[in-house]
mmCIF file of all heavy atoms, coordinates in Angstrom:
data_MODEL
# 
_entry.id   MODEL 
# 
loop_
_atom_site.group_PDB 
_atom_site.id 
_atom_site.type_symbol 
_atom_site.label_atom_id 
_atom_site.label_alt_id 
_atom_site.label_comp_id 
_atom_site.label_asym_id 
_atom_site.label_entity_id 
_atom_site.label_seq_id 
_atom_site.pdbx_PDB_ins_code 
_atom_site.Cartn_x 
_atom_site.Cartn_y 
_atom_site.Cartn_z 
_atom_site.occupancy 
_atom_site.B_iso_or_equiv 
_atom_site.pdbx_formal_charge 
_atom_site.auth_seq_id 
_atom_site.auth_comp_id 
_atom_site.auth_asym_id 
_atom_site.auth_atom_id 
_atom_site.pdbx_PDB_model_num 
ATOM 1   N N   . GLY A 1 1  ? 9.150   -5.652  -16.170 1.00 0.00 ? 1  GLY A N   1 
ATOM 2   C CA  . GLY A 1 1  ? 10.184  -5.503  -17.120 1.00 0.00 ? 1  GLY A CA  1 
ATOM 3   C C   . GLY A 1 1  ? 10.472  -4.118  -17.594 1.00 0.00 ? 1  GLY A C   1 
ATOM 4   O O   . GLY A 1 1  ? 10.771  -3.901  -18.760 1.00 0.00 ? 1  GLY A O   1 
ATOM 5   N N   . ASN A 1 2  ? 10.335  -3.155  -16.718 1.00 0.00 ? 2  ASN A N   1 
ATOM 6   C CA  . ASN A 1 2  ? 10.602  -1.781  -17.071 1.00 0.00 ? 2  ASN A CA  1 
ATOM 7   C C   . ASN A 1 2  ? 11.769  -1.230  -16.215 1.00 0.00 ? 2  ASN A C   1 
ATOM 8   O O   . ASN A 1 2  ? 12.478  -2.030  -15.605 1.00 0.00 ? 2  ASN A O   1 
ATOM 9   C CB  . ASN A 1 2  ? 9.333   -0.918  -16.888 1.00 0.00 ? 2  ASN A CB  1 
ATOM 10  C CG  . ASN A 1 2  ? 8.362   -1.147  -18.014 1.00 0.00 ? 2  ASN A CG  1 
ATOM 11  O OD1 . ASN A 1 2  ? 8.579   -0.735  -19.122 1.00 0.00 ? 2  ASN A OD1 1 
ATOM 12  N ND2 . ASN A 1 2  ? 7.251   -1.818  -17.711 1.00 0.00 ? 2  ASN A ND2 1 
ATOM 13  N N   . ASN A 1 3  ? 11.899  0.075   -16.147 1.00 0.00 ? 3  ASN A N   1 
ATOM 14  C CA  . ASN A 1 3  ? 12.960  0.689   -15.350 1.00 0.00 ? 3  ASN A CA  1 
ATOM 15  C C   . ASN A 1 3  ? 12.339  1.586   -14.291 1.00 0.00 ? 3  ASN A C   1 
ATOM 16  O O   . ASN A 1 3  ? 12.815  2.695   -14.035 1.00 0.00 ? 3  ASN A O   1 
ATOM 17  C CB  . ASN A 1 3  ? 13.889  1.490   -16.242 1.00 0.00 ? 3  ASN A CB  1 
ATOM 18  C CG  . ASN A 1 3  ? 14.585  0.597   -17.258 1.00 0.00 ? 3  ASN A CG  1 
ATOM 19  O OD1 . ASN A 1 3  ? 15.218  -0.333  -16.877 1.00 0.00 ? 3  ASN A OD1 1 
ATOM 20  N ND2 . ASN A 1 3  ? 14.446  0.944   -18.520 1.00 0.00 ? 3  ASN A ND2 1 
ATOM 21  N N   . LEU A 1 4  ? 11.247  1.102   -13.683 1.00 0.00 ? 4  LEU A N   1 
ATOM 22  C CA  . LEU A 1 4  ? 10.564  1.887   -12.649 1.00 0.00 ? 4  LEU A CA  1 
ATOM 23  C C   . LEU A 1 4  ? 11.380  1.853   -11.342 1.00 0.00 ? 4  LEU A C   1 
ATOM 24  O O   . LEU A 1 4  ? 11.872  0.821   -10.956 1.00 0.00 ? 4  LEU A O   1 
ATOM 25  C CB  . LEU A 1 4  ? 9.171   1.359   -12.400 1.00 0.00 ? 4  LEU A CB  1 
ATOM 26  C CG  . LEU A 1 4  ? 8.236   1.334   -13.620 1.00 0.00 ? 4  LEU A CG  1 
ATOM 27  C CD1 . LEU A 1 4  ? 6.901   0.653   -13.256 1.00 0.00 ? 4  LEU A CD1 1 
ATOM 28  C CD2 . LEU A 1 4  ? 7.973   2.748   -14.131 1.00 0.00 ? 4  LEU A CD2 1 
ATOM 29  N N   . THR A 1 5  ? 11.452  3.016   -10.701 1.00 0.00 ? 5  THR A N   1 
ATOM 30  C CA  . THR A 1 5  ? 12.196  3.131   -9.445  1.00 0.00 ? 5  THR A CA  1 
ATOM 31  C C   . THR A 1 5  ? 11.234  3.671   -8.345  1.00 0.00 ? 5  THR A C   1 
ATOM 32  O O   . THR A 1 5  ? 10.124  4.099   -8.658  1.00 0.00 ? 5  THR A O   1 
ATOM 33  C CB  . THR A 1 5  ? 13.408  4.058   -9.561  1.00 0.00 ? 5  THR A CB  1 
ATOM 34  O OG1 . THR A 1 5  ? 12.929  5.342   -10.003 1.00 0.00 ? 5  THR A OG1 1 
ATOM 35  C CG2 . THR A 1 5  ? 14.400  3.527   -10.614 1.00 0.00 ? 5  THR A CG2 1 
ATOM 36  N N   . GLY A 1 6  ? 11.716  3.680   -7.142  1.00 0.00 ? 6  GLY A N   1 
ATOM 37  C CA  . GLY A 1 6  ? 10.910  4.232   -6.040  1.00 0.00 ? 6  GLY A CA  1 
ATOM 38  C C   . GLY A 1 6  ? 9.742   3.324   -5.725  1.00 0.00 ? 6  GLY A C   1 
ATOM 39  O O   . GLY A 1 6  ? 9.895   2.093   -5.595  1.00 0.00 ? 6  GLY A O   1 
ATOM 40  N N   . ALA A 1 7  ? 8.552   3.882   -5.639  1.00 0.00 ? 7  ALA A N   1 
ATOM 41  C CA  . ALA A 1 7  ? 7.349   3.112   -5.310  1.00 0.00 ? 7  ALA A CA  1 
ATOM 42  C C   . ALA A 1 7  ? 6.202   3.552   -6.228  1.00 0.00 ? 7  ALA A C   1 
ATOM 43  O O   . ALA A 1 7  ? 6.268   4.622   -6.835  1.00 0.00 ? 7  ALA A O   1 
ATOM 44  C CB  . ALA A 1 7  ? 6.948   3.334   -3.867  1.00 0.00 ? 7  ALA A CB  1 
ATOM 45  N N   . LEU A 1 8  ? 5.194   2.721   -6.318  1.00 0.00 ? 8  LEU A N   1 
ATOM 46  C CA  . LEU A 1 8  ? 4.004   3.111   -7.044  1.00 0.00 ? 8  LEU A CA  1 
ATOM 47  C C   . LEU A 1 8  ? 3.362   4.330   -6.372  1.00 0.00 ? 8  LEU A C   1 
ATOM 48  O O   . LEU A 1 8  ? 3.510   4.503   -5.138  1.00 0.00 ? 8  LEU A O   1 
ATOM 49  C CB  . LEU A 1 8  ? 2.980   1.961   -7.060  1.00 0.00 ? 8  LEU A CB  1 
ATOM 50  C CG  . LEU A 1 8  ? 3.391   0.693   -7.801  1.00 0.00 ? 8  LEU A CG  1 
ATOM 51  C CD1 . LEU A 1 8  ? 2.380   -0.401  -7.558  1.00 0.00 ? 8  LEU A CD1 1 
ATOM 52  C CD2 . LEU A 1 8  ? 3.548   0.971   -9.287  1.00 0.00 ? 8  LEU A CD2 1 
ATOM 53  N N   . PRO A 1 9  ? 2.626   5.150   -7.122  1.00 0.00 ? 9  PRO A N   1 
ATOM 54  C CA  . PRO A 1 9  ? 1.979   6.300   -6.463  1.00 0.00 ? 9  PRO A CA  1 
ATOM 55  C C   . PRO A 1 9  ? 0.861   5.827   -5.530  1.00 0.00 ? 9  PRO A C   1 
ATOM 56  O O   . PRO A 1 9  ? 0.262   4.795   -5.734  1.00 0.00 ? 9  PRO A O   1 
ATOM 57  C CB  . PRO A 1 9  ? 1.406   7.096   -7.644  1.00 0.00 ? 9  PRO A CB  1 
ATOM 58  C CG  . PRO A 1 9  ? 1.299   6.116   -8.761  1.00 0.00 ? 9  PRO A CG  1 
ATOM 59  C CD  . PRO A 1 9  ? 2.377   5.085   -8.541  1.00 0.00 ? 9  PRO A CD  1 
ATOM 60  N N   . SER A 1 10 ? 0.613   6.596   -4.477  1.00 0.00 ? 10 SER A N   1 
ATOM 61  C CA  . SER A 1 10 ? -0.425  6.239   -3.514  1.00 0.00 ? 10 SER A CA  1 
ATOM 62  C C   . SER A 1 10 ? -1.782  6.152   -4.159  1.00 0.00 ? 10 SER A C   1 
ATOM 63  O O   . SER A 1 10 ? -2.677  5.441   -3.664  1.00 0.00 ? 10 SER A O   1 
ATOM 64  C CB  . SER A 1 10 ? -0.420  7.222   -2.342  1.00 0.00 ? 10 SER A CB  1 
ATOM 65  O OG  . SER A 1 10 ? -0.669  8.528   -2.815  1.00 0.00 ? 10 SER A OG  1 
ATOM 66  N N   . GLU A 1 11 ? -1.963  6.844   -5.289  1.00 0.00 ? 11 GLU A N   1 
ATOM 67  C CA  . GLU A 1 11 ? -3.263  6.817   -5.992  1.00 0.00 ? 11 GLU A CA  1 
ATOM 68  C C   . GLU A 1 11 ? -3.587  5.451   -6.544  1.00 0.00 ? 11 GLU A C   1 
ATOM 69  O O   . GLU A 1 11 ? -4.675  5.226   -7.034  1.00 0.00 ? 11 GLU A O   1 
ATOM 70  C CB  . GLU A 1 11 ? -3.279  7.851   -7.134  1.00 0.00 ? 11 GLU A CB  1 
ATOM 71  C CG  . GLU A 1 11 ? -3.212  9.295   -6.673  1.00 0.00 ? 11 GLU A CG  1 
ATOM 72  C CD  . GLU A 1 11 ? -1.771  9.792   -6.477  1.00 0.00 ? 11 GLU A CD  1 
ATOM 73  O OE1 . GLU A 1 11 ? -0.813  9.027   -6.667  1.00 0.00 ? 11 GLU A OE1 1 
ATOM 74  O OE2 . GLU A 1 11 ? -1.611  10.942  -6.121  1.00 0.00 ? 11 GLU A OE2 1 
ATOM 75  N N   . ILE A 1 12 ? -2.662  4.494   -6.455  1.00 0.00 ? 12 ILE A N   1 
ATOM 76  C CA  . ILE A 1 12 ? -2.931  3.123   -6.887  1.00 0.00 ? 12 ILE A CA  1 
ATOM 77  C C   . ILE A 1 12 ? -4.190  2.580   -6.197  1.00 0.00 ? 12 ILE A C   1 
ATOM 78  O O   . ILE A 1 12 ? -4.871  1.726   -6.742  1.00 0.00 ? 12 ILE A O   1 
ATOM 79  C CB  . ILE A 1 12 ? -1.706  2.205   -6.632  1.00 0.00 ? 12 ILE A CB  1 
ATOM 80  C CG1 . ILE A 1 12 ? -1.813  0.885   -7.375  1.00 0.00 ? 12 ILE A CG1 1 
ATOM 81  C CG2 . ILE A 1 12 ? -1.480  1.945   -5.141  1.00 0.00 ? 12 ILE A CG2 1 
ATOM 82  C CD1 . ILE A 1 12 ? -1.507  0.980   -8.840  1.00 0.00 ? 12 ILE A CD1 1 
ATOM 83  N N   . ALA A 1 13 ? -4.510  3.105   -5.061  1.00 0.00 ? 13 ALA A N   1 
ATOM 84  C CA  . ALA A 1 13 ? -5.692  2.701   -4.310  1.00 0.00 ? 13 ALA A CA  1 
ATOM 85  C C   . ALA A 1 13 ? -6.985  2.932   -5.057  1.00 0.00 ? 13 ALA A C   1 
ATOM 86  O O   . ALA A 1 13 ? -8.017  2.315   -4.766  1.00 0.00 ? 13 ALA A O   1 
ATOM 87  C CB  . ALA A 1 13 ? -5.743  3.378   -2.934  1.00 0.00 ? 13 ALA A CB  1 
ATOM 88  N N   . LYS A 1 14 ? -6.962  3.801   -6.089  1.00 0.00 ? 14 LYS A N   1 
ATOM 89  C CA  . LYS A 1 14 ? -8.151  4.075   -6.875  1.00 0.00 ? 14 LYS A CA  1 
ATOM 90  C C   . LYS A 1 14 ? -8.546  2.882   -7.733  1.00 0.00 ? 14 LYS A C   1 
ATOM 91  O O   . LYS A 1 14 ? -9.694  2.761   -8.197  1.00 0.00 ? 14 LYS A O   1 
ATOM 92  C CB  . LYS A 1 14 ? -7.880  5.248   -7.822  1.00 0.00 ? 14 LYS A CB  1 
ATOM 93  C CG  . LYS A 1 14 ? -7.744  6.582   -7.125  1.00 0.00 ? 14 LYS A CG  1 
ATOM 94  C CD  . LYS A 1 14 ? -7.459  7.686   -8.120  1.00 0.00 ? 14 LYS A CD  1 
ATOM 95  C CE  . LYS A 1 14 ? -7.240  8.998   -7.461  1.00 0.00 ? 14 LYS A CE  1 
ATOM 96  N NZ  . LYS A 1 14 ? -6.888  10.035  -8.452  1.00 0.00 ? 14 LYS A NZ  1 
ATOM 97  N N   . LEU A 1 15 ? -7.607  1.961   -7.997  1.00 0.00 ? 15 LEU A N   1 
ATOM 98  C CA  . LEU A 1 15 ? -7.876  0.803   -8.834  1.00 0.00 ? 15 LEU A CA  1 
ATOM 99  C C   . LEU A 1 15 ? -8.452  -0.319  -8.007  1.00 0.00 ? 15 LEU A C   1 
ATOM 100 O O   . LEU A 1 15 ? -7.862  -1.372  -7.816  1.00 0.00 ? 15 LEU A O   1 
ATOM 101 C CB  . LEU A 1 15 ? -6.572  0.378   -9.551  1.00 0.00 ? 15 LEU A CB  1 
ATOM 102 C CG  . LEU A 1 15 ? -5.866  1.471   -10.393 1.00 0.00 ? 15 LEU A CG  1 
ATOM 103 C CD1 . LEU A 1 15 ? -4.639  0.915   -11.051 1.00 0.00 ? 15 LEU A CD1 1 
ATOM 104 C CD2 . LEU A 1 15 ? -6.828  2.040   -11.427 1.00 0.00 ? 15 LEU A CD2 1 
ATOM 105 N N   . THR A 1 16 ? -9.654  -0.074  -7.508  1.00 0.00 ? 16 THR A N   1 
ATOM 106 C CA  . THR A 1 16 ? -10.286 -0.940  -6.498  1.00 0.00 ? 16 THR A CA  1 
ATOM 107 C C   . THR A 1 16 ? -10.649 -2.334  -7.034  1.00 0.00 ? 16 THR A C   1 
ATOM 108 O O   . THR A 1 16 ? -10.907 -3.254  -6.255  1.00 0.00 ? 16 THR A O   1 
ATOM 109 C CB  . THR A 1 16 ? -11.552 -0.295  -5.961  1.00 0.00 ? 16 THR A CB  1 
ATOM 110 O OG1 . THR A 1 16 ? -12.412 0.002   -7.035  1.00 0.00 ? 16 THR A OG1 1 
ATOM 111 C CG2 . THR A 1 16 ? -11.191 0.962   -5.171  1.00 0.00 ? 16 THR A CG2 1 
ATOM 112 N N   . LYS A 1 17 ? -10.699 -2.516  -8.347  1.00 0.00 ? 17 LYS A N   1 
ATOM 113 C CA  . LYS A 1 17 ? -11.066 -3.813  -8.930  1.00 0.00 ? 17 LYS A CA  1 
ATOM 114 C C   . LYS A 1 17 ? -9.853  -4.673  -9.264  1.00 0.00 ? 17 LYS A C   1 
ATOM 115 O O   . LYS A 1 17 ? -10.015 -5.831  -9.704  1.00 0.00 ? 17 LYS A O   1 
ATOM 116 C CB  . LYS A 1 17 ? -11.921 -3.599  -10.185 1.00 0.00 ? 17 LYS A CB  1 
ATOM 117 C CG  . LYS A 1 17 ? -13.273 -3.021  -9.888  1.00 0.00 ? 17 LYS A CG  1 
ATOM 118 C CD  . LYS A 1 17 ? -14.122 -2.877  -11.152 1.00 0.00 ? 17 LYS A CD  1 
ATOM 119 C CE  . LYS A 1 17 ? -15.553 -2.531  -10.896 1.00 0.00 ? 17 LYS A CE  1 
ATOM 120 N NZ  . LYS A 1 17 ? -15.801 -1.330  -10.175 1.00 0.00 ? 17 LYS A NZ  1 
ATOM 121 N N   . LEU A 1 18 ? -8.646  -4.188  -9.013  1.00 0.00 ? 18 LEU A N   1 
ATOM 122 C CA  . LEU A 1 18 ? -7.445  -4.934  -9.338  1.00 0.00 ? 18 LEU A CA  1 
ATOM 123 C C   . LEU A 1 18 ? -7.399  -6.280  -8.631  1.00 0.00 ? 18 LEU A C   1 
ATOM 124 O O   . LEU A 1 18 ? -7.591  -6.378  -7.423  1.00 0.00 ? 18 LEU A O   1 
ATOM 125 C CB  . LEU A 1 18 ? -6.185  -4.155  -8.945  1.00 0.00 ? 18 LEU A CB  1 
ATOM 126 C CG  . LEU A 1 18 ? -5.564  -3.223  -9.964  1.00 0.00 ? 18 LEU A CG  1 
ATOM 127 C CD1 . LEU A 1 18 ? -4.181  -2.768  -9.474  1.00 0.00 ? 18 LEU A CD1 1 
ATOM 128 C CD2 . LEU A 1 18 ? -5.444  -3.787  -11.325 1.00 0.00 ? 18 LEU A CD2 1 
ATOM 129 N N   . GLU A 1 19 ? -7.136  -7.331  -9.406  1.00 0.00 ? 19 GLU A N   1 
ATOM 130 C CA  . GLU A 1 19 ? -6.939  -8.646  -8.849  1.00 0.00 ? 19 GLU A CA  1 
ATOM 131 C C   . GLU A 1 19 ? -5.492  -9.102  -9.028  1.00 0.00 ? 19 GLU A C   1 
ATOM 132 O O   . GLU A 1 19 ? -4.992  -9.925  -8.273  1.00 0.00 ? 19 GLU A O   1 
ATOM 133 C CB  . GLU A 1 19 ? -7.870  -9.653  -9.546  1.00 0.00 ? 19 GLU A CB  1 
ATOM 134 C CG  . GLU A 1 19 ? -9.328  -9.420  -9.274  1.00 0.00 ? 19 GLU A CG  1 
ATOM 135 C CD  . GLU A 1 19 ? -10.219 -10.417 -9.955  1.00 0.00 ? 19 GLU A CD  1 
ATOM 136 O OE1 . GLU A 1 19 ? -9.762  -11.551 -10.266 1.00 0.00 ? 19 GLU A OE1 1 
ATOM 137 O OE2 . GLU A 1 19 ? -11.394 -10.107 -10.195 1.00 0.00 ? 19 GLU A OE2 1 
ATOM 138 N N   . ILE A 1 20 ? -4.800  -8.548  -10.046 1.00 0.00 ? 20 ILE A N   1 
ATOM 139 C CA  . ILE A 1 20 ? -3.424  -8.917  -10.324 1.00 0.00 ? 20 ILE A CA  1 
ATOM 140 C C   . ILE A 1 20 ? -2.612  -7.628  -10.496 1.00 0.00 ? 20 ILE A C   1 
ATOM 141 O O   . ILE A 1 20 ? -2.937  -6.793  -11.337 1.00 0.00 ? 20 ILE A O   1 
ATOM 142 C CB  . ILE A 1 20 ? -3.324  -9.769  -11.624 1.00 0.00 ? 20 ILE A CB  1 
ATOM 143 C CG1 . ILE A 1 20 ? -4.118  -11.060 -11.470 1.00 0.00 ? 20 ILE A CG1 1 
ATOM 144 C CG2 . ILE A 1 20 ? -1.845  -10.087 -11.932 1.00 0.00 ? 20 ILE A CG2 1 
ATOM 145 C CD1 . ILE A 1 20 ? -4.281  -11.837 -12.746 1.00 0.00 ? 20 ILE A CD1 1 
ATOM 146 N N   . LEU A 1 21 ? -1.559  -7.508  -9.724  1.00 0.00 ? 21 LEU A N   1 
ATOM 147 C CA  . LEU A 1 21 ? -0.607  -6.393  -9.837  1.00 0.00 ? 21 LEU A CA  1 
ATOM 148 C C   . LEU A 1 21 ? 0.758   -6.956  -10.005 1.00 0.00 ? 21 LEU A C   1 
ATOM 149 O O   . LEU A 1 21 ? 1.283   -7.621  -9.124  1.00 0.00 ? 21 LEU A O   1 
ATOM 150 C CB  . LEU A 1 21 ? -0.696  -5.500  -8.603  1.00 0.00 ? 21 LEU A CB  1 
ATOM 151 C CG  . LEU A 1 21 ? 0.250   -4.300  -8.535  1.00 0.00 ? 21 LEU A CG  1 
ATOM 152 C CD1 . LEU A 1 21 ? 0.100   -3.389  -9.743  1.00 0.00 ? 21 LEU A CD1 1 
ATOM 153 C CD2 . LEU A 1 21 ? 0.069   -3.507  -7.274  1.00 0.00 ? 21 LEU A CD2 1 
ATOM 154 N N   . ASN A 1 22 ? 1.339   -6.723  -11.197 1.00 0.00 ? 22 ASN A N   1 
ATOM 155 C CA  . ASN A 1 22 ? 2.656   -7.301  -11.513 1.00 0.00 ? 22 ASN A CA  1 
ATOM 156 C C   . ASN A 1 22 ? 3.602   -6.140  -11.843 1.00 0.00 ? 22 ASN A C   1 
ATOM 157 O O   . ASN A 1 22 ? 3.484   -5.462  -12.870 1.00 0.00 ? 22 ASN A O   1 
ATOM 158 C CB  . ASN A 1 22 ? 2.555   -8.222  -12.702 1.00 0.00 ? 22 ASN A CB  1 
ATOM 159 C CG  . ASN A 1 22 ? 3.857   -8.881  -13.029 1.00 0.00 ? 22 ASN A CG  1 
ATOM 160 O OD1 . ASN A 1 22 ? 4.921   -8.531  -12.525 1.00 0.00 ? 22 ASN A OD1 1 
ATOM 161 N ND2 . ASN A 1 22 ? 3.824   -9.859  -13.917 1.00 0.00 ? 22 ASN A ND2 1 
ATOM 162 N N   . VAL A 1 23 ? 4.549   -5.885  -10.958 1.00 0.00 ? 23 VAL A N   1 
ATOM 163 C CA  . VAL A 1 23 ? 5.598   -4.878  -11.173 1.00 0.00 ? 23 VAL A CA  1 
ATOM 164 C C   . VAL A 1 23 ? 6.992   -5.538  -11.000 1.00 0.00 ? 23 VAL A C   1 
ATOM 165 O O   . VAL A 1 23 ? 7.937   -4.916  -10.629 1.00 0.00 ? 23 VAL A O   1 
ATOM 166 C CB  . VAL A 1 23 ? 5.450   -3.668  -10.228 1.00 0.00 ? 23 VAL A CB  1 
ATOM 167 C CG1 . VAL A 1 23 ? 4.231   -2.833  -10.587 1.00 0.00 ? 23 VAL A CG1 1 
ATOM 168 C CG2 . VAL A 1 23 ? 5.391   -4.087  -8.793  1.00 0.00 ? 23 VAL A CG2 1 
ATOM 169 N N   . SER A 1 24 ? 7.031   -6.799  -11.395 1.00 0.00 ? 24 SER A N   1 
ATOM 170 C CA  . SER A 1 24 ? 8.304   -7.539  -11.316 1.00 0.00 ? 24 SER A CA  1 
ATOM 171 C C   . SER A 1 24 ? 9.306   -6.994  -12.309 1.00 0.00 ? 24 SER A C   1 
ATOM 172 O O   . SER A 1 24 ? 8.967   -6.349  -13.286 1.00 0.00 ? 24 SER A O   1 
ATOM 173 C CB  . SER A 1 24 ? 8.076   -9.028  -11.561 1.00 0.00 ? 24 SER A CB  1 
ATOM 174 O OG  . SER A 1 24 ? 7.562   -9.238  -12.896 1.00 0.00 ? 24 SER A OG  1 
ATOM 175 N N   . ASP A 1 25 ? 10.578  -7.279  -12.014 1.00 0.00 ? 25 ASP A N   1 
ATOM 176 C CA  . ASP A 1 25 ? 11.696  -6.918  -12.917 1.00 0.00 ? 25 ASP A CA  1 
ATOM 177 C C   . ASP A 1 25 ? 11.775  -5.435  -13.196 1.00 0.00 ? 25 ASP A C   1 
ATOM 178 O O   . ASP A 1 25 ? 11.818  -4.969  -14.337 1.00 0.00 ? 25 ASP A O   1 
ATOM 179 C CB  . ASP A 1 25 ? 11.581  -7.696  -14.233 1.00 0.00 ? 25 ASP A CB  1 
ATOM 180 C CG  . ASP A 1 25 ? 11.627  -9.205  -14.002 1.00 0.00 ? 25 ASP A CG  1 
ATOM 181 O OD1 . ASP A 1 25 ? 12.608  -9.660  -13.377 1.00 0.00 ? 25 ASP A OD1 1 
ATOM 182 O OD2 . ASP A 1 25 ? 10.691  -9.910  -14.400 1.00 0.00 ? 25 ASP A OD2 1 
ATOM 183 N N   . ASN A 1 26 ? 11.778  -4.647  -12.124 1.00 0.00 ? 26 ASN A N   1 
ATOM 184 C CA  . ASN A 1 26 ? 12.006  -3.210  -12.150 1.00 0.00 ? 26 ASN A CA  1 
ATOM 185 C C   . ASN A 1 26 ? 13.120  -2.908  -11.104 1.00 0.00 ? 26 ASN A C   1 
ATOM 186 O O   . ASN A 1 26 ? 13.785  -3.823  -10.662 1.00 0.00 ? 26 ASN A O   1 
ATOM 187 C CB  . ASN A 1 26 ? 10.722  -2.462  -11.834 1.00 0.00 ? 26 ASN A CB  1 
ATOM 188 C CG  . ASN A 1 26 ? 9.770   -2.357  -13.033 1.00 0.00 ? 26 ASN A CG  1 
ATOM 189 O OD1 . ASN A 1 26 ? 10.017  -1.605  -13.957 1.00 0.00 ? 26 ASN A OD1 1 
ATOM 190 N ND2 . ASN A 1 26 ? 8.699   -3.134  -13.006 1.00 0.00 ? 26 ASN A ND2 1 
ATOM 191 N N   . GLN A 1 27 ? 13.249  -1.673  -10.740 1.00 0.00 ? 27 GLN A N   1 
ATOM 192 C CA  . GLN A 1 27 ? 14.179  -1.307  -9.677  1.00 0.00 ? 27 GLN A CA  1 
ATOM 193 C C   . GLN A 1 27 ? 13.446  -0.604  -8.541  1.00 0.00 ? 27 GLN A C   1 
ATOM 194 O O   . GLN A 1 27 ? 13.945  0.346   -7.954  1.00 0.00 ? 27 GLN A O   1 
ATOM 195 C CB  . GLN A 1 27 ? 15.299  -0.371  -10.228 1.00 0.00 ? 27 GLN A CB  1 
ATOM 196 C CG  . GLN A 1 27 ? 16.330  -1.072  -11.065 1.00 0.00 ? 27 GLN A CG  1 
ATOM 197 C CD  . GLN A 1 27 ? 15.935  -1.082  -12.550 1.00 0.00 ? 27 GLN A CD  1 
ATOM 198 O OE1 . GLN A 1 27 ? 15.540  -0.075  -13.094 1.00 0.00 ? 27 GLN A OE1 1 
ATOM 199 N NE2 . GLN A 1 27 ? 16.034  -2.235  -13.178 1.00 0.00 ? 27 GLN A NE2 1 
# 
């Protein structure tokens, strides 16, 4: 529910414990 554009940064890989990633409702 934000106004994020493009893609997530490649550094997202640092969040190795992530089980849920929700970036719905953006651009």
